[in-house]
Amino acid sequence: MDVVFHTEKAVFNYRVAGVWIQDGRILLHRASEEKIWSLPGGRVEMNEASPLSLQREFKEELDLSVEIGSLVWIVENFFEYREKKVHEIGFYYLVSTEDKQALPNGPFHGVEGERLVYEWVPITELEDVVLYPEFLKKALKEIPETTEHLIVNN
C-alpha cells in the first residue's frame, strides 16, 4: 500500500526521486499525456525504507538495478494538481548504476509500457523544460554536499 492519503480537497503523498546525472544530463520522466517533467521515482510503500522504495521504482519502471547514493534534498512540497491541494514529502537521492545496459538517447518508454516517457536532458537546458518542483532547474546545476531541507510552495 502506497503512503498516499486522499481527502475531498487535498492529497498527502510520500515520494522518493532519483537524481541521476550522467555526461552533463539528468534523467527526467513525465506521464505520456502531460507536459510536466519530474525526476524518476515514485511513492513509498507502507513499512518500506525510502532507499529501498527508490530501488524498487527503478526496477519496476526501467528494469534497472540502481545504487542509492547520498540523500540530497528533503522537500516539503505544496502545490495544486487537478484542482486538489497536494502536500508532498519528497526524499531526493543520488543514484547510479553499474548496469551496462545503456538507456537510449531521445524520448523512450520504460518496461511498464507507454504510461511514462523518459529522456536524458542536458542540465544546461533545464530552463526550457516544464520541471517540477521548479527549484530543481537551478539546484541540479550545483548538487549540495550535505542534505538540504527545503519547503517549496508552487
C-alpha atoms as a PDB file:
ATOM      1  CA  MET A   1       0.000   0.000   0.000  1.00  0.00           C
ATOM      2  CA  ASP A   2       1.425   3.377  -1.052  1.00  0.00           C
ATOM      3  CA  VAL A   3       1.814   6.113   1.550  1.00  0.00           C
ATOM      4  CA  VAL A   4      -0.726   8.467  -0.013  1.00  0.00           C
ATOM      5  CA  PHE A   5      -3.883   9.793   1.599  1.00  0.00           C
ATOM      6  CA  HIS A   6      -6.765  11.423  -0.251  1.00  0.00           C
ATOM      7  CA  THR A   7      -9.413  13.714   1.175  1.00  0.00           C
ATOM      8  CA  GLU A   8     -12.148  15.528  -0.687  1.00  0.00           C
ATOM      9  CA  LYS A   9      -9.965  18.599  -1.312  1.00  0.00           C
ATOM     10  CA  ALA A  10      -6.398  17.507  -0.636  1.00  0.00           C
ATOM     11  CA  VAL A  11      -3.781  14.768  -1.033  1.00  0.00           C
ATOM     12  CA  PHE A  12      -0.783  13.790   1.096  1.00  0.00           C
ATOM     13  CA  ASN A  13       1.968  11.980  -0.796  1.00  0.00           C
ATOM     14  CA  TYR A  14       5.294  10.474   0.361  1.00  0.00           C
ATOM     15  CA  ARG A  15       7.603  10.245  -2.657  1.00  0.00           C
ATOM     16  CA  VAL A  16      11.186   9.272  -3.479  1.00  0.00           C
ATOM     17  CA  ALA A  17      13.087  10.510  -6.514  1.00  0.00           C
ATOM     18  CA  GLY A  18      16.381   9.675  -8.148  1.00  0.00           C
ATOM     19  CA  VAL A  19      18.913  12.321  -9.121  1.00  0.00           C
ATOM     20  CA  TRP A  20      20.751  10.520 -11.917  1.00  0.00           C
ATOM     21  CA  ILE A  21      23.286  12.731 -13.655  1.00  0.00           C
ATOM     22  CA  GLN A  22      25.407  11.288 -16.441  1.00  0.00           C
ATOM     23  CA  ASP A  23      27.528  13.128 -19.018  1.00  0.00           C
ATOM     24  CA  GLY A  24      26.055  16.509 -18.039  1.00  0.00           C
ATOM     25  CA  ARG A  25      22.495  15.250 -18.462  1.00  0.00           C
ATOM     26  CA  ILE A  26      19.757  14.410 -15.942  1.00  0.00           C
ATOM     27  CA  LEU A  27      17.210  11.629 -16.378  1.00  0.00           C
ATOM     28  CA  LEU A  28      13.652  13.006 -16.284  1.00  0.00           C
ATOM     29  CA  HIS A  29      10.248  11.448 -16.773  1.00  0.00           C
ATOM     30  CA  ARG A  30       6.648  12.529 -17.306  1.00  0.00           C
ATOM     31  CA  ALA A  31       3.268  10.946 -17.791  1.00  0.00           C
ATOM     32  CA  SER A  32       2.672  10.380 -21.513  1.00  0.00           C
ATOM     33  CA  GLU A  33      -0.349  12.683 -21.601  1.00  0.00           C
ATOM     34  CA  GLU A  34       1.319  15.558 -19.710  1.00  0.00           C
ATOM     35  CA  LYS A  35       3.977  18.184 -20.379  1.00  0.00           C
ATOM     36  CA  ILE A  36       5.275  18.386 -16.777  1.00  0.00           C
ATOM     37  CA  TRP A  37       8.600  16.618 -16.176  1.00  0.00           C
ATOM     38  CA  SER A  38       9.937  15.367 -12.842  1.00  0.00           C
ATOM     39  CA  LEU A  39      12.727  13.198 -11.533  1.00  0.00           C
ATOM     40  CA  PRO A  40      12.017   9.458 -11.803  1.00  0.00           C
ATOM     41  CA  GLY A  41      10.854   7.694  -8.685  1.00  0.00           C
ATOM     42  CA  GLY A  42       7.512   7.102  -7.075  1.00  0.00           C
ATOM     43  CA  ARG A  43       5.559   6.567  -3.932  1.00  0.00           C
ATOM     44  CA  VAL A  44       6.961   4.887  -0.872  1.00  0.00           C
ATOM     45  CA  GLU A  45       5.027   1.836   0.264  1.00  0.00           C
ATOM     46  CA  MET A  46       3.909   1.395   3.871  1.00  0.00           C
ATOM     47  CA  ASN A  47       6.707  -0.082   6.017  1.00  0.00           C
ATOM     48  CA  GLU A  48       9.296   0.385   3.248  1.00  0.00           C
ATOM     49  CA  ALA A  49      12.510   2.366   3.761  1.00  0.00           C
ATOM     50  CA  SER A  50      12.885   5.215   1.276  1.00  0.00           C
ATOM     51  CA  PRO A  51      16.144   3.949  -0.349  1.00  0.00           C
ATOM     52  CA  LEU A  52      14.506   0.552  -0.946  1.00  0.00           C
ATOM     53  CA  SER A  53      11.476   2.299  -2.449  1.00  0.00           C
ATOM     54  CA  LEU A  54      13.679   4.078  -4.934  1.00  0.00           C
ATOM     55  CA  GLN A  55      15.471   0.872  -5.901  1.00  0.00           C
ATOM     56  CA  ARG A  56      12.095  -0.829  -6.358  1.00  0.00           C
ATOM     57  CA  GLU A  57      10.747   2.004  -8.527  1.00  0.00           C
ATOM     58  CA  PHE A  58      13.770   1.914 -10.882  1.00  0.00           C
ATOM     59  CA  LYS A  59      13.470  -1.868 -11.156  1.00  0.00           C
ATOM     60  CA  GLU A  60       9.703  -1.707 -11.853  1.00  0.00           C
ATOM     61  CA  GLU A  61       9.854   1.183 -14.310  1.00  0.00           C
ATOM     62  CA  LEU A  62      13.187   0.678 -16.127  1.00  0.00           C
ATOM     63  CA  ASP A  63      14.265  -2.838 -15.134  1.00  0.00           C
ATOM     64  CA  LEU A  64      17.478  -1.372 -13.727  1.00  0.00           C
ATOM     65  CA  SER A  65      19.308  -2.116 -10.505  1.00  0.00           C
ATOM     66  CA  VAL A  66      20.495   1.206  -9.113  1.00  0.00           C
ATOM     67  CA  GLU A  67      22.825   2.082  -6.296  1.00  0.00           C
ATOM     68  CA  ILE A  68      21.457   4.665  -3.913  1.00  0.00           C
ATOM     69  CA  GLY A  69      23.880   7.440  -3.037  1.00  0.00           C
ATOM     70  CA  SER A  70      23.527  10.291  -0.605  1.00  0.00           C
ATOM     71  CA  LEU A  71      20.254  11.957   0.319  1.00  0.00           C
ATOM     72  CA  VAL A  72      20.472  15.352  -1.386  1.00  0.00           C
ATOM     73  CA  TRP A  73      17.156  17.022  -0.556  1.00  0.00           C
ATOM     74  CA  ILE A  74      14.232  16.523   1.785  1.00  0.00           C
ATOM     75  CA  VAL A  75      11.444  18.566   0.240  1.00  0.00           C
ATOM     76  CA  GLU A  76       8.116  19.623   1.704  1.00  0.00           C
ATOM     77  CA  ASN A  77       6.295  20.462  -1.496  1.00  0.00           C
ATOM     78  CA  PHE A  78       2.928  22.261  -1.546  1.00  0.00           C
ATOM     79  CA  PHE A  79       1.119  22.625  -4.875  1.00  0.00           C
ATOM     80  CA  GLU A  80      -2.183  22.182  -6.662  1.00  0.00           C
ATOM     81  CA  TYR A  81      -2.824  19.337  -9.080  1.00  0.00           C
ATOM     82  CA  ARG A  82      -6.139  18.507 -10.737  1.00  0.00           C
ATOM     83  CA  GLU A  83      -7.980  21.002  -8.516  1.00  0.00           C
ATOM     84  CA  LYS A  84      -6.663  19.481  -5.279  1.00  0.00           C
ATOM     85  CA  LYS A  85      -4.105  20.814  -2.845  1.00  0.00           C
ATOM     86  CA  VAL A  86      -1.146  18.452  -2.527  1.00  0.00           C
ATOM     87  CA  HIS A  87       1.193  18.155   0.453  1.00  0.00           C
ATOM     88  CA  GLU A  88       4.126  16.052  -0.671  1.00  0.00           C
ATOM     89  CA  ILE A  89       7.152  14.936   1.311  1.00  0.00           C
ATOM     90  CA  GLY A  90       9.945  14.002  -1.085  1.00  0.00           C
ATOM     91  CA  PHE A  91      13.316  12.373  -0.493  1.00  0.00           C
ATOM     92  CA  TYR A  92      15.736  13.023  -3.386  1.00  0.00           C
ATOM     93  CA  TYR A  93      18.711  10.649  -3.602  1.00  0.00           C
ATOM     94  CA  LEU A  94      21.680  10.493  -5.936  1.00  0.00           C
ATOM     95  CA  VAL A  95      21.502   7.284  -7.974  1.00  0.00           C
ATOM     96  CA  SER A  96      23.874   5.443 -10.267  1.00  0.00           C
ATOM     97  CA  THR A  97      24.209   2.006 -11.795  1.00  0.00           C
ATOM     98  CA  GLU A  98      26.941  -0.355 -12.836  1.00  0.00           C
ATOM     99  CA  ASP A  99      24.433  -1.997 -15.168  1.00  0.00           C
ATOM    100  CA  LYS A 100      25.967  -1.786 -18.616  1.00  0.00           C
ATOM    101  CA  GLN A 101      22.511  -1.620 -20.221  1.00  0.00           C
ATOM    102  CA  ALA A 102      22.515   1.867 -21.720  1.00  0.00           C
ATOM    103  CA  LEU A 103      19.324   3.862 -21.702  1.00  0.00           C
ATOM    104  CA  PRO A 104      18.559   5.320 -25.120  1.00  0.00           C
ATOM    105  CA  ASN A 105      19.034   8.924 -26.174  1.00  0.00           C
ATOM    106  CA  GLY A 106      15.884  10.811 -27.031  1.00  0.00           C
ATOM    107  CA  PRO A 107      12.462  10.038 -25.532  1.00  0.00           C
ATOM    108  CA  PHE A 108      11.829   6.407 -24.561  1.00  0.00           C
ATOM    109  CA  HIS A 109       9.362   4.308 -22.555  1.00  0.00           C
ATOM    110  CA  GLY A 110      10.138   2.033 -19.654  1.00  0.00           C
ATOM    111  CA  VAL A 111       9.167  -1.593 -19.168  1.00  0.00           C
ATOM    112  CA  GLU A 112       5.680  -0.628 -17.944  1.00  0.00           C
ATOM    113  CA  GLY A 113       4.682   0.441 -21.450  1.00  0.00           C
ATOM    114  CA  GLU A 114       3.730   3.868 -22.728  1.00  0.00           C
ATOM    115  CA  ARG A 115       2.441   5.285 -19.411  1.00  0.00           C
ATOM    116  CA  LEU A 116       5.702   7.190 -18.763  1.00  0.00           C
ATOM    117  CA  VAL A 117       8.151   8.915 -21.103  1.00  0.00           C
ATOM    118  CA  TYR A 118      11.814   9.201 -20.079  1.00  0.00           C
ATOM    119  CA  GLU A 119      14.522  11.415 -21.507  1.00  0.00           C
ATOM    120  CA  TRP A 120      18.087  12.466 -20.730  1.00  0.00           C
ATOM    121  CA  VAL A 121      18.006  16.275 -20.654  1.00  0.00           C
ATOM    122  CA  PRO A 122      21.162  18.412 -20.609  1.00  0.00           C
ATOM    123  CA  ILE A 123      21.323  20.232 -17.282  1.00  0.00           C
ATOM    124  CA  THR A 124      22.190  23.409 -19.192  1.00  0.00           C
ATOM    125  CA  GLU A 125      18.773  23.222 -20.915  1.00  0.00           C
ATOM    126  CA  LEU A 126      16.572  22.792 -17.836  1.00  0.00           C
ATOM    127  CA  GLU A 127      15.325  26.390 -18.014  1.00  0.00           C
ATOM    128  CA  ASP A 128      13.488  25.401 -21.219  1.00  0.00           C
ATOM    129  CA  VAL A 129      11.701  22.454 -19.579  1.00  0.00           C
ATOM    130  CA  VAL A 130       8.490  22.437 -17.517  1.00  0.00           C
ATOM    131  CA  LEU A 131      10.067  20.745 -14.470  1.00  0.00           C
ATOM    132  CA  TYR A 132       8.534  20.372 -11.021  1.00  0.00           C
ATOM    133  CA  PRO A 133       9.374  21.147  -8.346  1.00  0.00           C
ATOM    134  CA  GLU A 134      10.808  24.243 -10.027  1.00  0.00           C
ATOM    135  CA  PHE A 135      13.717  24.622  -7.586  1.00  0.00           C
ATOM    136  CA  LEU A 136      15.351  21.704  -9.435  1.00  0.00           C
ATOM    137  CA  LYS A 137      16.117  23.846 -12.501  1.00  0.00           C
ATOM    138  CA  LYS A 138      18.802  25.711 -10.546  1.00  0.00           C
ATOM    139  CA  ALA A 139      19.579  23.192  -7.803  1.00  0.00           C
ATOM    140  CA  LEU A 140      20.619  20.445 -10.241  1.00  0.00           C
ATOM    141  CA  LYS A 141      23.403  22.687 -11.548  1.00  0.00           C
ATOM    142  CA  GLU A 142      25.165  22.561  -8.179  1.00  0.00           C
ATOM    143  CA  ILE A 143      24.394  19.500  -6.062  1.00  0.00           C
ATOM    144  CA  PRO A 144      24.938  20.239  -2.352  1.00  0.00           C
ATOM    145  CA  GLU A 145      27.493  18.215  -0.407  1.00  0.00           C
ATOM    146  CA  THR A 146      25.177  17.825   2.584  1.00  0.00           C
ATOM    147  CA  THR A 147      21.449  17.136   2.765  1.00  0.00           C
ATOM    148  CA  GLU A 148      19.243  20.222   2.440  1.00  0.00           C
ATOM    149  CA  HIS A 149      15.707  20.565   3.775  1.00  0.00           C
ATOM    150  CA  LEU A 150      13.506  22.711   1.537  1.00  0.00           C
ATOM    151  CA  ILE A 151       9.929  23.967   1.773  1.00  0.00           C
ATOM    152  CA  VAL A 152       8.506  24.679  -1.662  1.00  0.00           C
ATOM    153  CA  ASN A 153       5.224  26.447  -2.429  1.00  0.00           C
ATOM    154  CA  ASN A 154       4.326  26.296  -6.128  1.00  0.00           C
END
